[in-house]
PDB file of N, CA and C in Angstrom:
ATOM      1  N   MET A   1       0.844  -1.179   0.000  1.00  0.00           N
ATOM      2  CA  MET A   1       0.000   0.000   0.000  1.00  0.00           C
ATOM      3  C   MET A   1       0.892   1.247   0.000  1.00  0.00           C
ATOM      4  N   ALA A   2       0.682   2.120  -0.952  1.00  0.00           N
ATOM      5  CA  ALA A   2       1.465   3.350  -1.068  1.00  0.00           C
ATOM      6  C   ALA A   2       0.967   4.365  -0.049  1.00  0.00           C
ATOM      7  N   THR A   3       1.911   5.096   0.544  1.00  0.00           N
ATOM      8  CA  THR A   3       1.517   6.138   1.474  1.00  0.00           C
ATOM      9  C   THR A   3       1.491   7.470   0.748  1.00  0.00           C
ATOM     10  N   ARG A   4       0.584   8.294   1.146  1.00  0.00           N
ATOM     11  CA  ARG A   4       0.441   9.618   0.542  1.00  0.00           C
ATOM     12  C   ARG A   4       1.388  10.596   1.228  1.00  0.00           C
ATOM     13  N   LYS A   5       2.085  11.373   0.452  1.00  0.00           N
ATOM     14  CA  LYS A   5       3.022  12.353   1.001  1.00  0.00           C
ATOM     15  C   LYS A   5       2.274  13.556   1.562  1.00  0.00           C
ATOM     16  N   THR A   6       2.788  14.095   2.644  1.00  0.00           N
ATOM     17  CA  THR A   6       2.229  15.331   3.175  1.00  0.00           C
ATOM     18  C   THR A   6       2.725  16.489   2.317  1.00  0.00           C
ATOM     19  N   GLY A   7       2.142  17.641   2.497  1.00  0.00           N
ATOM     20  CA  GLY A   7       2.564  18.824   1.754  1.00  0.00           C
ATOM     21  C   GLY A   7       4.022  19.148   1.988  1.00  0.00           C
ATOM     22  N   LEU A   8       4.456  19.060   3.241  1.00  0.00           N
ATOM     23  CA  LEU A   8       5.846  19.388   3.539  1.00  0.00           C
ATOM     24  C   LEU A   8       6.810  18.359   2.958  1.00  0.00           C
ATOM     25  N   GLU A   9       6.427  17.105   2.932  1.00  0.00           N
ATOM     26  CA  GLU A   9       7.292  16.095   2.309  1.00  0.00           C
ATOM     27  C   GLU A   9       7.489  16.398   0.832  1.00  0.00           C
ATOM     28  N   ALA A  10       6.433  16.777   0.161  1.00  0.00           N
ATOM     29  CA  ALA A  10       6.536  17.139  -1.257  1.00  0.00           C
ATOM     30  C   ALA A  10       7.388  18.401  -1.425  1.00  0.00           C
ATOM     31  N   ASP A  11       7.236  19.350  -0.500  1.00  0.00           N
ATOM     32  CA  ASP A  11       8.020  20.583  -0.567  1.00  0.00           C
ATOM     33  C   ASP A  11       9.512  20.291  -0.373  1.00  0.00           C
ATOM     34  N   PHE A  12       9.844  19.398   0.576  1.00  0.00           N
ATOM     35  CA  PHE A  12      11.236  19.009   0.780  1.00  0.00           C
ATOM     36  C   PHE A  12      11.792  18.316  -0.458  1.00  0.00           C
ATOM     37  N   GLN A  13      10.979  17.510  -1.124  1.00  0.00           N
ATOM     38  CA  GLN A  13      11.430  16.844  -2.345  1.00  0.00           C
ATOM     39  C   GLN A  13      11.743  17.864  -3.442  1.00  0.00           C
ATOM     40  N   VAL A  14      10.914  18.888  -3.566  1.00  0.00           N
ATOM     41  CA  VAL A  14      11.177  19.949  -4.542  1.00  0.00           C
ATOM     42  C   VAL A  14      12.506  20.615  -4.215  1.00  0.00           C
ATOM     43  N   PHE A  15      12.733  20.905  -2.945  1.00  0.00           N
ATOM     44  CA  PHE A  15      13.985  21.539  -2.537  1.00  0.00           C
ATOM     45  C   PHE A  15      15.180  20.669  -2.913  1.00  0.00           C
ATOM     46  N   GLU A  16      15.135  19.401  -2.567  1.00  0.00           N
ATOM     47  CA  GLU A  16      16.259  18.500  -2.844  1.00  0.00           C
ATOM     48  C   GLU A  16      16.482  18.327  -4.345  1.00  0.00           C
ATOM     49  N   ARG A  17      15.421  18.279  -5.097  1.00  0.00           N
ATOM     50  CA  ARG A  17      15.521  18.099  -6.545  1.00  0.00           C
ATOM     51  C   ARG A  17      16.202  19.294  -7.218  1.00  0.00           C
ATOM     52  N   HIS A  18      16.008  20.487  -6.672  1.00  0.00           N
ATOM     53  CA  HIS A  18      16.516  21.712  -7.304  1.00  0.00           C
ATOM     54  C   HIS A  18      17.700  22.346  -6.573  1.00  0.00           C
ATOM     55  N   ARG A  19      18.079  21.784  -5.460  1.00  0.00           N
ATOM     56  CA  ARG A  19      19.114  22.383  -4.610  1.00  0.00           C
ATOM     57  C   ARG A  19      20.368  22.785  -5.391  1.00  0.00           C
ATOM     58  N   LYS A  20      20.959  21.874  -6.148  1.00  0.00           N
ATOM     59  CA  LYS A  20      22.214  22.168  -6.855  1.00  0.00           C
ATOM     60  C   LYS A  20      22.048  23.298  -7.862  1.00  0.00           C
ATOM     61  N   ASP A  21      20.918  23.339  -8.562  1.00  0.00           N
ATOM     62  CA  ASP A  21      20.668  24.427  -9.520  1.00  0.00           C
ATOM     63  C   ASP A  21      20.499  25.759  -8.801  1.00  0.00           C
ATOM     64  N   TRP A  22      19.766  25.745  -7.712  1.00  0.00           N
ATOM     65  CA  TRP A  22      19.502  26.978  -6.982  1.00  0.00           C
ATOM     66  C   TRP A  22      20.757  27.552  -6.336  1.00  0.00           C
ATOM     67  N   VAL A  23      21.676  26.685  -5.925  1.00  0.00           N
ATOM     68  CA  VAL A  23      22.903  27.170  -5.281  1.00  0.00           C
ATOM     69  C   VAL A  23      23.654  28.114  -6.209  1.00  0.00           C
ATOM     70  N   ARG A  24      23.607  27.851  -7.502  1.00  0.00           N
ATOM     71  CA  ARG A  24      24.328  28.701  -8.454  1.00  0.00           C
ATOM     72  C   ARG A  24      23.799  30.133  -8.487  1.00  0.00           C
ATOM     73  N   GLN A  25      22.506  30.324  -8.315  1.00  0.00           N
ATOM     74  CA  GLN A  25      21.926  31.666  -8.420  1.00  0.00           C
ATOM     75  C   GLN A  25      21.411  32.227  -7.100  1.00  0.00           C
ATOM     76  N   HIS A  26      21.129  31.363  -6.127  1.00  0.00           N
ATOM     77  CA  HIS A  26      20.454  31.827  -4.911  1.00  0.00           C
ATOM     78  C   HIS A  26      21.137  31.379  -3.620  1.00  0.00           C
ATOM     79  N   GLU A  27      22.429  31.024  -3.689  1.00  0.00           N
ATOM     80  CA  GLU A  27      23.097  30.510  -2.497  1.00  0.00           C
ATOM     81  C   GLU A  27      22.997  31.510  -1.347  1.00  0.00           C
ATOM     82  N   GLY A  28      22.616  30.994  -0.182  1.00  0.00           N
ATOM     83  CA  GLY A  28      22.476  31.816   1.013  1.00  0.00           C
ATOM     84  C   GLY A  28      21.102  32.437   1.175  1.00  0.00           C
ATOM     85  N   GLU A  29      20.313  32.470   0.107  1.00  0.00           N
ATOM     86  CA  GLU A  29      18.952  33.015   0.192  1.00  0.00           C
ATOM     87  C   GLU A  29      18.013  31.948   0.769  1.00  0.00           C
ATOM     88  N   PHE A  30      16.795  32.359   1.044  1.00  0.00           N
ATOM     89  CA  PHE A  30      15.789  31.457   1.595  1.00  0.00           C
ATOM     90  C   PHE A  30      14.666  31.287   0.581  1.00  0.00           C
ATOM     91  N   VAL A  31      14.329  30.037   0.297  1.00  0.00           N
ATOM     92  CA  VAL A  31      13.270  29.739  -0.657  1.00  0.00           C
ATOM     93  C   VAL A  31      11.979  29.465   0.104  1.00  0.00           C
ATOM     94  N   LEU A  32      10.883  29.913  -0.459  1.00  0.00           N
ATOM     95  CA  LEU A  32       9.548  29.686   0.088  1.00  0.00           C
ATOM     96  C   LEU A  32       8.829  28.730  -0.857  1.00  0.00           C
ATOM     97  N   ILE A  33       8.404  27.576  -0.331  1.00  0.00           N
ATOM     98  CA  ILE A  33       7.742  26.548  -1.142  1.00  0.00           C
ATOM     99  C   ILE A  33       6.440  26.148  -0.463  1.00  0.00           C
ATOM    100  N   ARG A  34       5.384  26.026  -1.257  1.00  0.00           N
ATOM    101  CA  ARG A  34       4.093  25.546  -0.746  1.00  0.00           C
ATOM    102  C   ARG A  34       3.453  24.677  -1.811  1.00  0.00           C
ATOM    103  N   THR A  35       2.951  23.540  -1.387  1.00  0.00           N
ATOM    104  CA  THR A  35       2.312  22.555  -2.271  1.00  0.00           C
ATOM    105  C   THR A  35       3.173  22.285  -3.501  1.00  0.00           C
ATOM    106  N   ALA A  36       4.458  22.050  -3.250  1.00  0.00           N
ATOM    107  CA  ALA A  36       5.439  21.701  -4.281  1.00  0.00           C
ATOM    108  C   ALA A  36       5.626  22.790  -5.332  1.00  0.00           C
ATOM    109  N   THR A  37       5.278  24.033  -4.986  1.00  0.00           N
ATOM    110  CA  THR A  37       5.436  25.161  -5.896  1.00  0.00           C
ATOM    111  C   THR A  37       6.315  26.223  -5.235  1.00  0.00           C
ATOM    112  N   VAL A  38       7.304  26.691  -5.950  1.00  0.00           N
ATOM    113  CA  VAL A  38       8.194  27.726  -5.425  1.00  0.00           C
ATOM    114  C   VAL A  38       7.474  29.071  -5.460  1.00  0.00           C
ATOM    115  N   ALA A  39       7.395  29.719  -4.306  1.00  0.00           N
ATOM    116  CA  ALA A  39       6.716  31.007  -4.208  1.00  0.00           C
ATOM    117  C   ALA A  39       7.692  32.176  -4.215  1.00  0.00           C
ATOM    118  N   GLY A  40       8.992  31.898  -4.136  1.00  0.00           N
ATOM    119  CA  GLY A  40       9.964  32.979  -4.225  1.00  0.00           C
ATOM    120  C   GLY A  40      11.220  32.718  -3.428  1.00  0.00           C
ATOM    121  N   PHE A  41      12.219  33.584  -3.638  1.00  0.00           N
ATOM    122  CA  PHE A  41      13.486  33.561  -2.916  1.00  0.00           C
ATOM    123  C   PHE A  41      13.620  34.878  -2.176  1.00  0.00           C
ATOM    124  N   TYR A  42      14.160  34.824  -0.961  1.00  0.00           N
ATOM    125  CA  TYR A  42      14.240  36.002  -0.103  1.00  0.00           C
ATOM    126  C   TYR A  42      15.624  36.096   0.523  1.00  0.00           C
ATOM    127  N   PRO A  43      16.058  37.310   0.857  1.00  0.00           N
ATOM    128  CA  PRO A  43      17.419  37.492   1.371  1.00  0.00           C
ATOM    129  C   PRO A  43      17.634  36.952   2.783  1.00  0.00           C
ATOM    130  N   ASP A  44      16.552  36.818   3.558  1.00  0.00           N
ATOM    131  CA  ASP A  44      16.698  36.321   4.919  1.00  0.00           C
ATOM    132  C   ASP A  44      15.455  35.535   5.324  1.00  0.00           C
ATOM    133  N   TYR A  45      15.590  34.788   6.410  1.00  0.00           N
ATOM    134  CA  TYR A  45      14.509  33.913   6.890  1.00  0.00           C
ATOM    135  C   TYR A  45      13.249  34.720   7.218  1.00  0.00           C
ATOM    136  N   GLU A  46      13.439  35.820   7.899  1.00  0.00           N
ATOM    137  CA  GLU A  46      12.291  36.619   8.335  1.00  0.00           C
ATOM    138  C   GLU A  46      11.463  37.112   7.148  1.00  0.00           C
ATOM    139  N   SER A  47      12.111  37.550   6.091  1.00  0.00           N
ATOM    140  CA  SER A  47      11.394  38.013   4.894  1.00  0.00           C
ATOM    141  C   SER A  47      10.598  36.887   4.255  1.00  0.00           C
ATOM    142  N   ALA A  48      11.211  35.706   4.170  1.00  0.00           N
ATOM    143  CA  ALA A  48      10.528  34.552   3.574  1.00  0.00           C
ATOM    144  C   ALA A  48       9.351  34.118   4.434  1.00  0.00           C
ATOM    145  N   LEU A  49       9.547  34.080   5.735  1.00  0.00           N
ATOM    146  CA  LEU A  49       8.462  33.693   6.646  1.00  0.00           C
ATOM    147  C   LEU A  49       7.317  34.694   6.575  1.00  0.00           C
ATOM    148  N   ARG A  50       7.638  35.975   6.584  1.00  0.00           N
ATOM    149  CA  ARG A  50       6.613  37.024   6.499  1.00  0.00           C
ATOM    150  C   ARG A  50       5.819  36.885   5.201  1.00  0.00           C
ATOM    151  N   ALA A  51       6.514  36.645   4.094  1.00  0.00           N
ATOM    152  CA  ALA A  51       5.839  36.475   2.809  1.00  0.00           C
ATOM    153  C   ALA A  51       4.935  35.247   2.829  1.00  0.00           C
ATOM    154  N   GLY A  52       5.395  34.174   3.451  1.00  0.00           N
ATOM    155  CA  GLY A  52       4.583  32.963   3.545  1.00  0.00           C
ATOM    156  C   GLY A  52       3.308  33.191   4.338  1.00  0.00           C
ATOM    157  N   VAL A  53       3.422  33.866   5.459  1.00  0.00           N
ATOM    158  CA  VAL A  53       2.246  34.140   6.297  1.00  0.00           C
ATOM    159  C   VAL A  53       1.294  35.094   5.582  1.00  0.00           C
ATOM    160  N   GLN A  54       1.820  36.130   4.942  1.00  0.00           N
ATOM    161  CA  GLN A  54       0.971  37.090   4.233  1.00  0.00           C
ATOM    162  C   GLN A  54       0.279  36.447   3.030  1.00  0.00           C
ATOM    163  N   THR A  55       0.980  35.569   2.344  1.00  0.00           N
ATOM    164  CA  THR A  55       0.432  34.964   1.131  1.00  0.00           C
ATOM    165  C   THR A  55      -0.498  33.797   1.430  1.00  0.00           C
ATOM    166  N   PHE A  56      -0.082  32.932   2.370  1.00  0.00           N
ATOM    167  CA  PHE A  56      -0.815  31.683   2.584  1.00  0.00           C
ATOM    168  C   PHE A  56      -1.592  31.630   3.885  1.00  0.00           C
ATOM    169  N   GLY A  57      -1.301  32.523   4.810  1.00  0.00           N
ATOM    170  CA  GLY A  57      -1.994  32.527   6.094  1.00  0.00           C
ATOM    171  C   GLY A  57      -1.165  31.868   7.176  1.00  0.00           C
ATOM    172  N   VAL A  58      -1.454  32.243   8.392  1.00  0.00           N
ATOM    173  CA  VAL A  58      -0.673  31.790   9.534  1.00  0.00           C
ATOM    174  C   VAL A  58      -0.889  30.303   9.827  1.00  0.00           C
ATOM    175  N   THR A  59      -1.982  29.734   9.417  1.00  0.00           N
ATOM    176  CA  THR A  59      -2.259  28.317   9.707  1.00  0.00           C
ATOM    177  C   THR A  59      -1.906  27.386   8.551  1.00  0.00           C
ATOM    178  N   SER A  60      -1.382  27.898   7.473  1.00  0.00           N
ATOM    179  CA  SER A  60      -1.023  27.075   6.317  1.00  0.00           C
ATOM    180  C   SER A  60       0.352  26.446   6.489  1.00  0.00           C
ATOM    181  N   GLU A  61       0.525  25.274   5.868  1.00  0.00           N
ATOM    182  CA  GLU A  61       1.842  24.645   5.818  1.00  0.00           C
ATOM    183  C   GLU A  61       2.616  25.190   4.641  1.00  0.00           C
ATOM    184  N   PHE A  62       3.841  25.618   4.894  1.00  0.00           N
ATOM    185  CA  PHE A  62       4.748  25.999   3.818  1.00  0.00           C
ATOM    186  C   PHE A  62       6.166  25.823   4.343  1.00  0.00           C
ATOM    187  N   LEU A  63       7.102  25.709   3.428  1.00  0.00           N
ATOM    188  CA  LEU A  63       8.490  25.471   3.779  1.00  0.00           C
ATOM    189  C   LEU A  63       9.327  26.709   3.489  1.00  0.00           C
ATOM    190  N   VAL A  64      10.129  27.103   4.467  1.00  0.00           N
ATOM    191  CA  VAL A  64      11.137  28.145   4.285  1.00  0.00           C
ATOM    192  C   VAL A  64      12.469  27.470   4.578  1.00  0.00           C
ATOM    193  N   LYS A  65      13.351  27.461   3.582  1.00  0.00           N
ATOM    194  CA  LYS A  65      14.618  26.737   3.740  1.00  0.00           C
ATOM    195  C   LYS A  65      15.738  27.513   3.067  1.00  0.00           C
ATOM    196  N   GLN A  66      16.884  27.554   3.738  1.00  0.00           N
ATOM    197  CA  GLN A  66      18.028  28.251   3.164  1.00  0.00           C
ATOM    198  C   GLN A  66      18.649  27.413   2.058  1.00  0.00           C
ATOM    199  N   VAL A  67      18.989  28.081   0.977  1.00  0.00           N
ATOM    200  CA  VAL A  67      19.609  27.419  -0.168  1.00  0.00           C
ATOM    201  C   VAL A  67      21.106  27.318   0.093  1.00  0.00           C
ATOM    202  N   CYS A  68      21.571  26.099   0.321  1.00  0.00           N
ATOM    203  CA  CYS A  68      22.990  25.837   0.514  1.00  0.00           C
ATOM    204  C   CYS A  68      23.275  24.415   0.062  1.00  0.00           C
ATOM    205  N   LEU A  69      24.484  24.181  -0.382  1.00  0.00           N
ATOM    206  CA  LEU A  69      24.835  22.875  -0.918  1.00  0.00           C
ATOM    207  C   LEU A  69      24.821  21.807   0.158  1.00  0.00           C
ATOM    208  N   GLU A  70      25.343  22.137   1.329  1.00  0.00           N
ATOM    209  CA  GLU A  70      25.356  21.194   2.446  1.00  0.00           C
ATOM    210  C   GLU A  70      24.668  21.824   3.644  1.00  0.00           C
ATOM    211  N   GLU A  71      23.943  20.991   4.377  1.00  0.00           N
ATOM    212  CA  GLU A  71      23.245  21.474   5.563  1.00  0.00           C
ATOM    213  C   GLU A  71      24.261  21.880   6.629  1.00  0.00           C
ATOM    214  N   PRO A  72      24.094  23.052   7.247  1.00  0.00           N
ATOM    215  CA  PRO A  72      25.000  23.439   8.322  1.00  0.00           C
ATOM    216  C   PRO A  72      24.761  22.562   9.563  1.00  0.00           C
ATOM    217  N   VAL A  73      25.810  22.358  10.326  1.00  0.00           N
ATOM    218  CA  VAL A  73      25.709  21.600  11.570  1.00  0.00           C
ATOM    219  C   VAL A  73      25.906  22.558  12.721  1.00  0.00           C
ATOM    220  N   PHE A  74      24.957  22.578  13.626  1.00  0.00           N
ATOM    221  CA  PHE A  74      25.036  23.453  14.786  1.00  0.00           C
ATOM    222  C   PHE A  74      25.267  22.594  16.027  1.00  0.00           C
ATOM    223  N   VAL A  75      26.197  22.995  16.842  1.00  0.00           N
ATOM    224  CA  VAL A  75      26.491  22.286  18.072  1.00  0.00           C
ATOM    225  C   VAL A  75      26.202  23.228  19.228  1.00  0.00           C
ATOM    226  N   ILE A  76      25.395  22.752  20.152  1.00  0.00           N
ATOM    227  CA  ILE A  76      25.042  23.555  21.321  1.00  0.00           C
ATOM    228  C   ILE A  76      25.563  22.841  22.553  1.00  0.00           C
ATOM    229  N   TYR A  77      26.334  23.550  23.350  1.00  0.00           N
ATOM    230  CA  TYR A  77      26.882  22.965  24.579  1.00  0.00           C
ATOM    231  C   TYR A  77      26.109  23.431  25.761  1.00  0.00           C
TER     232      TYR A  77
END
């Protein structure tokens, strides 16, 4: 039995599929994705989040993710 992907799972797949291409033009920017559709690139997280809330509403699922080739690792002591 096949499982149905959630909206965010599909959004993450879009990000992974396009990551290498986006790094060339948008490295360090934040992409806004909803329902597997790119809604834009923004210079910082806050701008992307604000655009997502204004466009889709505060209760909607959407992905804001920084465009980078490798995921940063944060260590908290």
